[in-house]
Protein backbone atom coordinates (compact mmCIF):
# COMPACT_ATOMS: atom_id res chain seq x y z
CA MET A 1 99.00 120.15 87.75
CA GLU A 2 98.38 120.07 91.50
CA PRO A 3 100.54 117.50 93.32
CA GLN A 4 98.61 114.74 95.09
CA ARG A 5 99.08 113.76 98.73
CA THR A 6 97.14 112.07 101.49
CA GLN A 7 95.83 113.64 104.67
CA GLY A 8 96.81 110.85 107.08
CA GLU A 9 97.34 107.22 106.20
CA GLY A 10 95.20 104.12 106.29
CA LYS A 11 96.43 100.61 107.02
CA GLN A 12 98.29 100.72 103.70
CA PRO A 13 100.91 103.47 103.46
CA THR A 14 100.63 106.26 100.93
CA HIS A 15 101.61 105.00 97.49
CA THR A 16 101.45 106.16 93.88
CA HIS A 17 100.07 104.30 90.87
CA PRO A 18 101.57 105.47 87.56
CA ALA A 19 99.35 106.65 84.73
CA ALA A 20 98.12 103.70 82.67
CA THR A 21 95.94 102.81 79.71
CA HIS A 22 94.38 99.36 79.73
CA THR A 23 91.26 97.36 78.87
CA HIS A 24 88.84 95.55 81.15
CA ASP A 25 85.11 95.50 81.86
CA HIS A 26 84.15 98.99 82.93
CA TYR A 27 81.19 99.45 85.30
CA HIS A 28 78.73 102.29 85.64
CA VAL A 29 76.41 102.55 88.63
CA SER A 30 73.29 104.70 88.66
CA HIS A 31 70.68 105.46 91.30
CA HIS A 32 67.19 104.58 90.03
CA HIS A 33 64.26 106.19 91.88
CA ARG A 34 61.44 103.68 92.19
CA GLY A 35 58.72 106.37 92.19
CA GLY A 36 56.48 107.98 94.80
CA LEU A 37 57.35 110.56 97.42
CA LEU A 38 58.90 108.17 99.93
CA ALA A 39 60.33 105.63 97.50
CA GLU A 40 63.96 104.71 97.87
CA PHE A 41 66.63 104.41 95.23
CA GLU A 42 68.02 101.16 93.90
CA HIS A 43 71.46 100.67 92.41
CA ARG A 44 71.57 99.71 88.75
CA ALA A 45 74.80 98.55 87.18
CA ALA A 46 75.82 98.37 83.53
CA TRP A 47 79.18 97.50 82.00
CA HIS A 48 81.12 97.46 78.78
CA THR A 49 84.72 96.97 77.69
CA HIS A 50 87.07 99.37 75.93
CA ALA A 51 90.52 100.82 76.40
CA HIS A 52 90.55 103.61 78.97
CA ASN A 53 93.15 105.50 80.93
CA HIS A 54 93.85 106.38 84.54
CA ALA A 55 95.88 109.39 85.52
CA GLU A 56 98.64 108.99 88.10
CA LEU A 57 97.07 108.46 91.53
CA THR A 58 98.58 108.93 95.00
CA HIS A 59 96.46 107.59 97.83
CA SER A 60 96.18 105.45 100.97
CA HIS A 61 93.50 102.97 102.05
CA ASP A 62 92.59 100.34 104.63
CA TYR A 63 92.18 97.34 102.29
CA ASP A 64 95.11 95.20 101.17
CA ARG A 65 97.30 96.32 98.23
CA ALA A 66 96.97 92.87 96.62
CA ASP A 67 93.17 93.25 96.71
CA GLU A 68 93.50 96.70 95.15
CA GLU A 69 95.33 95.31 92.13
CA GLN A 70 93.24 92.14 91.84
CA ASP A 71 89.88 93.94 92.21
CA HIS A 72 90.60 96.97 90.02
CA ALA A 73 88.42 95.71 87.17
CA LYS A 74 85.48 95.38 89.58
CA GLU A 75 85.49 99.07 90.55
CA ALA A 76 83.09 101.57 89.02
CA HIS A 77 84.78 104.68 87.60
CA ALA A 78 84.04 107.44 85.15
CA HIS A 79 85.71 108.73 82.01
CA ASP A 80 84.89 110.56 78.81
CA HIS A 81 83.28 108.01 76.52
CA ALA A 82 84.04 110.11 73.46
CA ALA A 83 87.76 109.66 74.24
CA PRO A 84 88.09 107.07 77.03
CA ALA A 85 91.83 106.59 76.62
CA ARG A 86 92.68 110.32 76.62
CA SER A 87 92.76 112.57 79.69
CA PRO A 88 91.03 115.94 79.41
CA ASN A 89 93.20 119.01 78.83
């Protein structure tokens, strides 16, 4: 497994979140084309709840760490719906 690192730091220093499995509403966002040659896309959101996992993550960012923890359940992310709580091999 390739070690993670950051290239520079944001307002929050580089930190690591351990791997975790948990349950909360899980959002999916898609781009829906409204039709026509010059039509724009609109965002469409859907959500559901089930246990899912996150691999260990090392990163940095400009928003507050408290907001990161508090707002985690509001973030869209992807996983394998056939096995949402298991990381791929």
